Amino acid sequence: MSQRRKLQLGYIAVDFLTAELVWLIFLLFRWLVYEGKVFGVNTVLIPAFGFYLPLILYPIGCLIIHYLSGYYLRVQRKRLTHELLTTFISSIVIALSAFFIIIIDDQVEDYHRYVISLAVLWLLQFSISYIFRLLLTLLIRRHAAAPATFTVHTEQQVADIKPNKGDRVIIDLQPSLDENTLYRIIQRIYPLDVEIAVVPKLYDMLTGAAKIPELDSNPLVLITEHKMTDSELCIKRAFDIVASLLTMILLSPVYILLWILAYSSSKGPAFYSQQRIGLHGKPFNIYKFRTMVQYAEDDVPQLSADDDPRVTRVGHFMRKYRLDELPQMWNILRGDMSIVGPRPEREFFIRQIVKQAPYYCLLYKIRPGMTSWGPIRVGYTDTLQKMIDRLNYDIVYMENMSLRLDIKILFYTIGVIVDGKGK
């Protein structure tokens, strides 16, 4: 288990225990202040449904809100000011959620008690969770190994560095090296799952691409820095999990029907898997319903064209309405893909693309997806030039990522599916 994963589990454990402590103290407060009545029970020690269920739901709900706040995303370079602000906002959301779900059902004679209960719960949640979080952060800073920083000046040096996850690699190219070398270095570093930064040139500083990661550091172009906030990234991932799970459950009869149609359309299995390159430049197997005859490529990757004779009749129908891509919901649930993100390519075609567009590796920053701006604007790619065009659109999407943009792309994609504009 990596150090980053251990730290994440440590923060999760602390948050769970402090949430349980907060709720118990809050129950004690209500028992003492409101004449020994807790959820309609005359003593806090008497077992009751309304007593035990919140003991489980409250800490779980806290962990969900903390995750959606993005708190667990960066545990090795955690800033104290960010920790304070995140804890403050999360505590407000937790207190309001608990109030409208649990506390508001209480029978009270004076409605001022609602306000007092809400204020006390927020104060307890914020103060206790922040104190224990701060202690853990300070303890980690004192005893855990700090993220290391490596500097690379030439392409031969990449093999010499041995970074751990969460470390930072700074690329400071010699003046004699060109941008193609820069992109080759980035492509080789991405699978290491580390932060990648580049020493900026004058143009980068003038256009605002250069940032100051820490006050005591020099300006850097942060290649792996996301345009989305940590909270947005976690909300995006949570949406992927919920949407993919619900889709597979609710559309299970459709999956069965498509499996039967694909299996009976021609000889071969109903499902089709193919290796693609995804997040951090790492390979994964993408799943689809088979739409072509078996052994259609004969070990030689080929792009599909209009009226492709390899596509079955059922395959044409499924492609037209993008039904062949429904099994990718499993890829999304696993974390290989996102619902919205650049389409993943095969390594065979990536090697051809980088000859004309060496910046393809920049897409490794985000999870690939089922749909994005590139596939919408270009559609299915049957030529190398279309693949490059789609790449350029996806780069623009990546540089403008937001939850609002994802929603727009989703609605547009639904329109494409309903109109049967697939290939």
Protein backbone atom coordinates (compact mmCIF):
# COMPACT_ATOMS: atom_id res chain seq x y z
CA MET A 1 0.00 0.00 0.00
CA SER A 2 1.38 3.39 -1.01
CA GLN A 3 2.09 6.12 1.53
CA ARG A 4 -0.63 8.29 -0.01
CA ARG A 5 -3.24 5.55 0.42
CA LYS A 6 -2.20 5.02 4.04
CA LEU A 7 -2.55 8.74 4.74
CA GLN A 8 -5.97 8.82 3.09
CA LEU A 9 -7.16 5.92 5.25
CA GLY A 10 -5.75 7.70 8.31
CA TYR A 11 -7.74 10.86 7.63
CA ILE A 12 -10.87 8.82 6.91
CA ALA A 13 -10.51 6.92 10.20
CA VAL A 14 -10.01 10.15 12.16
CA ASP A 15 -13.04 11.77 10.53
CA PHE A 16 -15.22 8.73 11.23
CA LEU A 17 -14.25 8.58 14.91
CA THR A 18 -14.59 12.32 15.45
CA ALA A 19 -18.01 12.30 13.78
CA GLU A 20 -19.12 9.54 16.15
CA LEU A 21 -17.77 11.55 19.09
CA VAL A 22 -19.54 14.70 17.89
CA TRP A 23 -22.89 12.94 17.66
CA LEU A 24 -22.57 11.38 21.12
CA ILE A 25 -21.68 14.74 22.69
CA PHE A 26 -24.58 16.33 20.82
CA LEU A 27 -26.94 13.67 22.17
CA LEU A 28 -25.63 14.33 25.68
CA PHE A 29 -26.23 18.05 25.22
CA ARG A 30 -29.82 17.44 24.12
CA TRP A 31 -30.37 15.06 27.04
CA LEU A 32 -29.11 17.56 29.60
CA VAL A 33 -30.75 20.66 28.11
CA TYR A 34 -34.06 19.19 26.98
CA GLU A 35 -35.04 17.40 30.22
CA GLY A 36 -33.67 13.98 29.36
CA LYS A 37 -35.57 13.57 26.12
CA VAL A 38 -33.65 12.27 23.14
CA PHE A 39 -35.71 11.52 20.03
CA GLY A 40 -38.74 10.98 22.22
CA VAL A 41 -36.90 8.62 24.60
CA ASN A 42 -36.84 9.60 28.27
CA THR A 43 -33.20 8.67 28.81
CA VAL A 44 -30.22 8.54 26.50
CA LEU A 45 -29.32 5.09 27.82
CA ILE A 46 -32.54 3.37 26.74
CA PRO A 47 -32.10 1.62 23.34
CA ALA A 48 -34.36 3.01 20.65
CA PHE A 49 -34.48 3.02 16.86
CA GLY A 50 -34.10 6.79 16.79
CA PHE A 51 -31.02 6.53 18.98
CA TYR A 52 -28.97 3.84 17.25
CA LEU A 53 -29.61 4.56 13.58
CA PRO A 54 -28.06 8.07 13.61
CA LEU A 55 -24.99 6.61 15.33
CA ILE A 56 -24.35 4.77 12.07
CA LEU A 57 -25.74 7.19 9.52
CA TYR A 58 -24.20 10.38 10.90
CA PRO A 59 -20.50 9.38 10.57
CA ILE A 60 -21.15 7.77 7.19
CA GLY A 61 -22.88 10.94 6.01
CA CYS A 62 -19.95 12.99 7.30
CA LEU A 63 -17.48 10.90 5.31
CA ILE A 64 -19.55 11.34 2.15
CA ILE A 65 -19.63 15.11 2.57
CA HIS A 66 -15.92 15.23 3.40
CA TYR A 67 -15.18 13.20 0.25
CA LEU A 68 -17.30 15.48 -1.92
CA SER A 69 -15.43 18.46 -0.49
CA GLY A 70 -12.23 17.04 -1.99
CA TYR A 71 -10.51 16.83 1.40
CA TYR A 72 -9.07 13.35 0.86
CA LEU A 73 -7.69 14.06 -2.62
CA ARG A 74 -4.41 15.73 -1.65
CA VAL A 75 -3.09 14.36 1.61
CA GLN A 76 0.64 14.75 1.05
CA ARG A 77 0.75 18.44 0.19
CA LYS A 78 -2.06 19.61 2.47
CA ARG A 79 -2.13 23.33 3.25
CA LEU A 80 -3.27 24.43 6.70
CA THR A 81 -5.38 27.30 5.36
CA HIS A 82 -7.12 24.97 2.91
CA GLU A 83 -7.73 22.46 5.69
CA LEU A 84 -9.32 25.14 7.87
CA LEU A 85 -11.58 26.43 5.10
CA THR A 86 -12.62 22.96 3.91
CA THR A 87 -13.45 21.84 7.45
CA PHE A 88 -15.44 25.03 8.09
CA ILE A 89 -17.59 24.65 4.98
CA SER A 90 -18.05 20.88 5.38
CA SER A 91 -19.21 21.38 8.97
CA ILE A 92 -21.91 23.81 7.82
CA VAL A 93 -23.16 21.32 5.21
CA ILE A 94 -23.10 18.46 7.72
CA ALA A 95 -24.98 20.43 10.38
CA LEU A 96 -27.65 21.59 7.94
CA SER A 97 -28.06 18.09 6.50
CA ALA A 98 -28.44 16.53 9.95
CA PHE A 99 -30.87 19.27 10.95
CA PHE A 100 -33.25 18.75 8.01
CA ILE A 101 -32.99 14.95 8.06
CA ILE A 102 -33.03 14.18 11.80
CA ILE A 103 -33.43 17.14 14.15
CA ILE A 104 -36.36 18.84 12.44
CA ASP A 105 -38.62 15.87 13.30
CA ASP A 106 -38.26 16.55 17.02
CA GLN A 107 -41.30 17.68 18.96
CA VAL A 108 -40.29 20.93 20.70
CA GLU A 109 -42.28 23.58 22.52
CA ASP A 110 -39.89 26.41 21.70
CA TYR A 111 -38.61 26.73 18.14
CA HIS A 112 -35.53 28.54 19.39
CA ARG A 113 -34.31 25.10 20.36
CA TYR A 114 -33.99 24.27 16.65
CA VAL A 115 -31.60 27.16 16.15
CA ILE A 116 -29.65 26.31 19.29
CA SER A 117 -29.38 22.64 18.28
CA LEU A 118 -28.16 23.59 14.81
CA ALA A 119 -25.56 26.00 16.18
CA VAL A 120 -24.30 23.55 18.78
CA LEU A 121 -24.03 20.72 16.25
CA TRP A 122 -22.07 22.91 13.83
CA LEU A 123 -19.76 24.15 16.57
CA LEU A 124 -19.08 20.63 17.80
CA GLN A 125 -18.54 19.28 14.29
CA PHE A 126 -16.18 22.07 13.27
CA SER A 127 -14.11 22.36 16.43
CA ILE A 128 -13.65 18.66 17.17
CA SER A 129 -13.01 17.54 13.59
CA TYR A 130 -10.63 20.43 12.90
CA ILE A 131 -8.63 19.87 16.07
CA PHE A 132 -8.08 16.18 15.32
CA ARG A 133 -7.41 16.85 11.63
CA LEU A 134 -4.85 19.51 12.51
CA LEU A 135 -3.13 17.22 14.99
CA LEU A 136 -2.92 14.46 12.38
CA THR A 137 -1.59 16.86 9.73
CA LEU A 138 1.08 18.20 12.07
CA LEU A 139 2.00 14.66 13.09
CA ILE A 140 2.36 13.64 9.45
CA ARG A 141 4.48 16.67 8.68
CA ARG A 142 6.78 15.80 11.56
CA HIS A 143 7.20 12.06 11.08
CA ALA A 144 6.08 11.03 7.58
CA ALA A 145 8.41 11.33 4.64
CA ALA A 146 7.74 14.58 2.82
CA PRO A 147 7.01 14.41 -0.93
CA ALA A 148 10.27 14.50 -2.83
CA THR A 149 11.09 16.69 -5.80
CA PHE A 150 13.13 15.47 -8.76
CA THR A 151 14.50 17.61 -11.58
CA VAL A 152 14.99 16.31 -15.11
CA HIS A 153 17.10 18.14 -17.68
CA THR A 154 17.38 15.55 -20.48
CA GLU A 155 15.42 12.54 -21.79
CA GLN A 156 18.07 10.10 -20.67
CA GLN A 157 17.60 11.15 -17.02
CA VAL A 158 13.99 9.88 -16.78
CA ALA A 159 15.09 6.28 -16.21
CA ASP A 160 17.34 7.36 -13.32
CA ILE A 161 14.61 8.87 -11.13
CA LYS A 162 12.64 6.65 -8.76
CA PRO A 163 9.78 8.78 -7.42
CA ASN A 164 6.91 7.59 -5.25
CA LYS A 165 3.27 8.51 -5.78
CA GLY A 166 2.72 12.10 -4.74
CA ASP A 167 6.28 13.20 -5.45
CA ARG A 168 6.96 16.01 -7.93
CA VAL A 169 9.09 15.86 -11.07
CA ILE A 170 10.23 19.21 -12.48
CA ILE A 171 11.28 19.26 -16.13
CA ASP A 172 13.93 21.90 -16.76
CA LEU A 173 14.99 21.35 -20.36
CA GLN A 174 18.29 22.49 -21.71
CA PRO A 175 17.94 25.32 -24.25
CA SER A 176 19.09 23.03 -27.08
CA LEU A 177 16.13 20.64 -26.62
CA ASP A 178 12.82 21.19 -28.43
CA GLU A 179 9.18 20.76 -27.38
CA ASN A 180 8.96 17.28 -28.89
CA THR A 181 11.52 16.16 -26.32
CA LEU A 182 9.42 17.78 -23.59
CA TYR A 183 6.31 15.82 -24.60
CA ARG A 184 8.25 12.56 -24.82
CA ILE A 185 9.51 13.12 -21.28
CA ILE A 186 6.00 13.90 -20.04
CA GLN A 187 4.66 10.74 -21.69
CA ARG A 188 7.31 8.63 -19.94
CA ILE A 189 6.71 10.22 -16.53
CA TYR A 190 2.89 10.09 -16.49
CA PRO A 191 2.62 6.34 -15.65
CA LEU A 192 4.57 7.03 -12.44
CA ASP A 193 1.50 8.88 -11.08
CA VAL A 194 3.45 11.87 -9.79
CA GLU A 195 3.03 15.63 -10.06
CA ILE A 196 4.66 16.95 -13.23
CA ALA A 197 5.80 20.56 -13.60
CA VAL A 198 7.83 22.41 -16.19
CA VAL A 199 10.14 25.38 -15.69
CA PRO A 200 8.33 28.13 -17.63
CA LYS A 201 9.63 30.16 -20.50
CA LEU A 202 8.94 33.87 -20.86
CA TYR A 203 5.82 33.20 -22.98
CA ASP A 204 4.36 30.94 -20.25
CA MET A 205 4.88 33.65 -17.64
CA LEU A 206 3.36 36.39 -19.79
CA THR A 207 0.25 34.34 -20.66
CA GLY A 208 -0.41 33.28 -17.08
CA ALA A 209 0.40 29.59 -17.57
CA ALA A 210 3.10 29.76 -14.88
CA LYS A 211 1.91 29.34 -11.28
CA ILE A 212 3.54 29.54 -7.86
CA PRO A 213 2.72 26.21 -6.12
CA GLU A 214 4.19 27.31 -2.78
CA LEU A 215 5.29 30.72 -1.58
CA ASP A 216 8.90 29.58 -1.28
CA SER A 217 9.06 28.01 -4.75
CA ASN A 218 9.84 29.33 -8.20
CA PRO A 219 7.11 29.74 -10.85
CA LEU A 220 6.19 26.47 -12.59
CA VAL A 221 3.82 25.29 -15.29
CA LEU A 222 1.84 22.57 -13.49
CA ILE A 223 1.14 19.93 -16.14
CA THR A 224 -0.88 17.62 -13.88
CA GLU A 225 -2.86 20.41 -12.20
CA HIS A 226 -6.60 20.08 -12.89
CA LYS A 227 -8.83 22.90 -14.01
CA MET A 228 -11.56 21.52 -11.76
CA THR A 229 -11.32 22.08 -8.03
CA ASP A 230 -10.75 19.09 -5.75
CA SER A 231 -14.41 19.21 -4.79
CA GLU A 232 -15.55 19.23 -8.42
CA LEU A 233 -13.31 16.26 -9.23
CA CYS A 234 -14.79 14.27 -6.35
CA ILE A 235 -18.36 15.23 -7.27
CA LYS A 236 -17.62 14.19 -10.87
CA ARG A 237 -16.32 10.81 -9.69
CA ALA A 238 -19.27 10.32 -7.32
CA PHE A 239 -21.67 11.07 -10.18
CA ASP A 240 -19.86 8.51 -12.35
CA ILE A 241 -20.25 5.84 -9.68
CA VAL A 242 -23.93 6.50 -8.99
CA ALA A 243 -24.90 6.95 -12.66
CA SER A 244 -23.06 3.85 -13.89
CA LEU A 245 -24.45 1.68 -11.08
CA LEU A 246 -28.03 2.87 -11.63
CA THR A 247 -27.70 2.45 -15.41
CA MET A 248 -26.57 -1.16 -15.11
CA ILE A 249 -29.37 -1.94 -12.65
CA LEU A 250 -32.24 -0.12 -14.36
CA LEU A 251 -31.23 -1.14 -17.89
CA SER A 252 -30.40 -4.74 -17.02
CA PRO A 253 -33.22 -6.04 -19.32
CA VAL A 254 -31.73 -3.96 -22.16
CA TYR A 255 -28.29 -5.44 -21.46
CA ILE A 256 -29.74 -8.95 -21.66
CA LEU A 257 -31.56 -8.20 -24.92
CA LEU A 258 -28.47 -6.65 -26.51
CA TRP A 259 -26.38 -9.60 -25.36
CA ILE A 260 -28.78 -11.98 -27.10
CA LEU A 261 -28.80 -9.88 -30.28
CA ALA A 262 -25.01 -9.55 -30.37
CA TYR A 263 -24.47 -13.24 -29.68
CA SER A 264 -26.94 -14.36 -32.37
CA SER A 265 -25.81 -11.81 -34.99
CA SER A 266 -22.73 -13.82 -36.00
CA LYS A 267 -20.24 -16.30 -34.67
CA GLY A 268 -18.32 -15.08 -31.65
CA PRO A 269 -18.84 -13.77 -28.10
CA ALA A 270 -21.39 -11.04 -27.35
CA PHE A 271 -18.92 -8.86 -25.48
CA TYR A 272 -15.79 -7.41 -26.99
CA SER A 273 -12.77 -6.13 -25.08
CA GLN A 274 -9.90 -4.07 -26.37
CA GLN A 275 -6.87 -2.54 -24.69
CA ARG A 276 -6.86 1.27 -24.53
CA ILE A 277 -4.60 3.83 -22.87
CA GLY A 278 -6.20 5.77 -20.04
CA LEU A 279 -5.43 7.82 -16.95
CA HIS A 280 -1.71 8.42 -16.34
CA GLY A 281 -0.96 6.67 -19.63
CA LYS A 282 -1.79 3.25 -18.19
CA PRO A 283 -3.50 0.54 -20.27
CA PHE A 284 -6.91 -0.91 -19.45
CA ASN A 285 -9.46 -3.11 -21.21
CA ILE A 286 -12.50 -1.31 -22.57
CA TYR A 287 -15.72 -3.32 -22.99
CA LYS A 288 -18.35 -3.13 -25.71
CA PHE A 289 -21.05 -5.23 -27.28
CA ARG A 290 -19.53 -6.85 -30.34
CA THR A 291 -20.69 -5.09 -33.51
CA MET A 292 -18.32 -6.69 -36.04
CA VAL A 293 -17.73 -10.20 -37.26
CA GLN A 294 -15.26 -12.24 -35.24
CA TYR A 295 -11.56 -11.61 -35.98
CA ALA A 296 -12.48 -8.47 -37.95
CA GLU A 297 -9.05 -6.92 -37.61
CA ASP A 298 -6.96 -10.07 -37.95
CA ASP A 299 -4.38 -8.71 -35.46
CA VAL A 300 -3.91 -5.51 -37.51
CA PRO A 301 -5.70 -2.47 -35.97
CA GLN A 302 -8.03 -0.80 -38.45
CA LEU A 303 -10.34 2.19 -38.28
CA SER A 304 -14.00 1.70 -39.06
CA ALA A 305 -15.45 3.46 -42.12
CA ASP A 306 -18.93 4.11 -43.47
CA ASP A 307 -20.63 0.94 -44.75
CA ASP A 308 -17.88 -1.15 -43.21
CA PRO A 309 -18.53 -4.75 -44.35
CA ARG A 310 -17.17 -6.06 -41.06
CA VAL A 311 -20.09 -4.54 -39.12
CA THR A 312 -23.09 -6.83 -38.64
CA ARG A 313 -26.70 -5.73 -39.17
CA VAL A 314 -27.28 -5.71 -35.44
CA GLY A 315 -23.97 -3.91 -35.05
CA HIS A 316 -25.11 -1.09 -37.36
CA PHE A 317 -28.23 -0.60 -35.22
CA MET A 318 -26.29 -0.60 -31.95
CA ARG A 319 -23.68 1.84 -33.29
CA LYS A 320 -26.34 4.19 -34.61
CA TYR A 321 -27.77 4.64 -31.12
CA ARG A 322 -24.45 4.10 -29.25
CA LEU A 323 -25.89 1.01 -27.56
CA ASP A 324 -22.68 -0.92 -28.13
CA GLU A 325 -20.98 1.30 -25.54
CA LEU A 326 -23.30 0.43 -22.65
CA PRO A 327 -20.86 -2.17 -21.20
CA GLN A 328 -18.45 0.71 -20.61
CA MET A 329 -20.56 1.53 -17.56
CA TRP A 330 -18.51 -1.23 -15.91
CA ASN A 331 -15.32 0.61 -16.89
CA ILE A 332 -16.76 3.77 -15.36
CA LEU A 333 -17.73 2.03 -12.13
CA ARG A 334 -14.22 0.52 -11.86
CA GLY A 335 -12.61 3.93 -12.34
CA ASP A 336 -11.03 3.21 -15.73
CA MET A 337 -13.22 5.82 -17.36
CA SER A 338 -15.58 8.71 -16.67
CA ILE A 339 -18.91 9.43 -18.31
CA VAL A 340 -17.51 12.67 -19.77
CA GLY A 341 -13.92 12.67 -20.93
CA PRO A 342 -11.78 12.23 -24.05
CA ARG A 343 -12.22 8.94 -25.87
CA PRO A 344 -9.34 6.53 -25.11
CA GLU A 345 -7.25 5.34 -28.03
CA ARG A 346 -5.23 2.24 -28.74
CA GLU A 347 -1.49 2.47 -28.40
CA PHE A 348 -1.10 1.56 -32.09
CA PHE A 349 -2.92 4.73 -33.16
CA ILE A 350 -1.41 6.88 -30.41
CA ARG A 351 2.04 6.19 -31.84
CA GLN A 352 0.80 7.53 -35.19
CA ILE A 353 -0.92 10.54 -33.66
CA VAL A 354 2.11 11.74 -31.69
CA LYS A 355 4.14 11.98 -34.90
CA GLN A 356 1.93 14.94 -35.88
CA ALA A 357 0.57 15.95 -32.46
CA PRO A 358 3.23 15.13 -29.82
CA TYR A 359 1.10 16.78 -27.11
CA TYR A 360 -1.31 13.83 -27.03
CA CYS A 361 0.20 12.83 -23.67
CA LEU A 362 -1.45 15.86 -22.04
CA LEU A 363 -4.74 13.93 -22.08
CA TYR A 364 -3.30 11.46 -19.59
CA LYS A 365 -4.12 14.00 -16.88
CA ILE A 366 -7.80 13.05 -16.81
CA ARG A 367 -9.84 9.87 -17.06
CA PRO A 368 -11.02 9.01 -20.58
CA GLY A 369 -14.75 8.95 -21.07
CA MET A 370 -17.69 7.75 -23.10
CA THR A 371 -18.38 11.18 -24.51
CA SER A 372 -16.72 14.58 -24.69
CA TRP A 373 -16.53 17.67 -26.83
CA GLY A 374 -14.17 15.95 -29.26
CA PRO A 375 -16.44 13.00 -30.11
CA ILE A 376 -19.42 15.35 -30.37
CA ARG A 377 -17.71 17.69 -32.84
CA VAL A 378 -15.86 15.07 -34.89
CA GLY A 379 -17.94 11.92 -34.36
CA TYR A 380 -16.50 8.53 -35.19
CA THR A 381 -12.93 8.79 -36.44
CA ASP A 382 -12.17 6.87 -39.63
CA THR A 383 -9.00 8.79 -40.54
CA LEU A 384 -5.87 9.85 -38.67
CA GLN A 385 -6.65 13.51 -39.32
CA LYS A 386 -10.05 13.14 -37.62
CA MET A 387 -8.32 11.58 -34.64
CA ILE A 388 -6.03 14.61 -34.41
CA ASP A 389 -9.01 16.96 -34.77
CA ARG A 390 -10.77 15.13 -31.96
CA LEU A 391 -7.62 15.37 -29.86
CA ASN A 392 -7.52 19.14 -30.29
CA TYR A 393 -11.15 19.49 -29.20
CA ASP A 394 -10.47 17.26 -26.19
CA ILE A 395 -7.49 19.39 -25.21
CA VAL A 396 -9.77 22.43 -25.25
CA TYR A 397 -12.32 20.52 -23.14
CA MET A 398 -9.63 19.57 -20.65
CA GLU A 399 -8.48 23.17 -20.30
CA ASN A 400 -12.08 24.29 -19.64
CA MET A 401 -13.32 21.40 -17.51
CA SER A 402 -16.20 22.14 -15.17
CA LEU A 403 -19.31 20.39 -13.90
CA ARG A 404 -21.42 22.83 -15.88
CA LEU A 405 -19.62 21.94 -19.11
CA ASP A 406 -20.01 18.22 -18.38
CA ILE A 407 -23.76 18.68 -17.98
CA LYS A 408 -23.97 20.51 -21.32
CA ILE A 409 -22.02 17.74 -23.05
CA LEU A 410 -24.27 15.09 -21.49
CA PHE A 411 -27.46 16.75 -22.73
CA TYR A 412 -25.99 17.20 -26.20
CA THR A 413 -24.91 13.55 -26.25
CA ILE A 414 -28.41 12.43 -25.28
CA GLY A 415 -29.71 14.37 -28.29
CA VAL A 416 -27.20 12.64 -30.55
CA ILE A 417 -28.30 9.24 -29.25
CA VAL A 418 -32.01 9.97 -29.60
CA ASP A 419 -31.54 11.23 -33.16
CA GLY A 420 -29.51 8.15 -34.05
CA LYS A 421 -26.53 10.15 -35.29
CA GLY A 422 -24.04 7.44 -34.37
CA LYS A 423 -22.16 5.49 -37.00
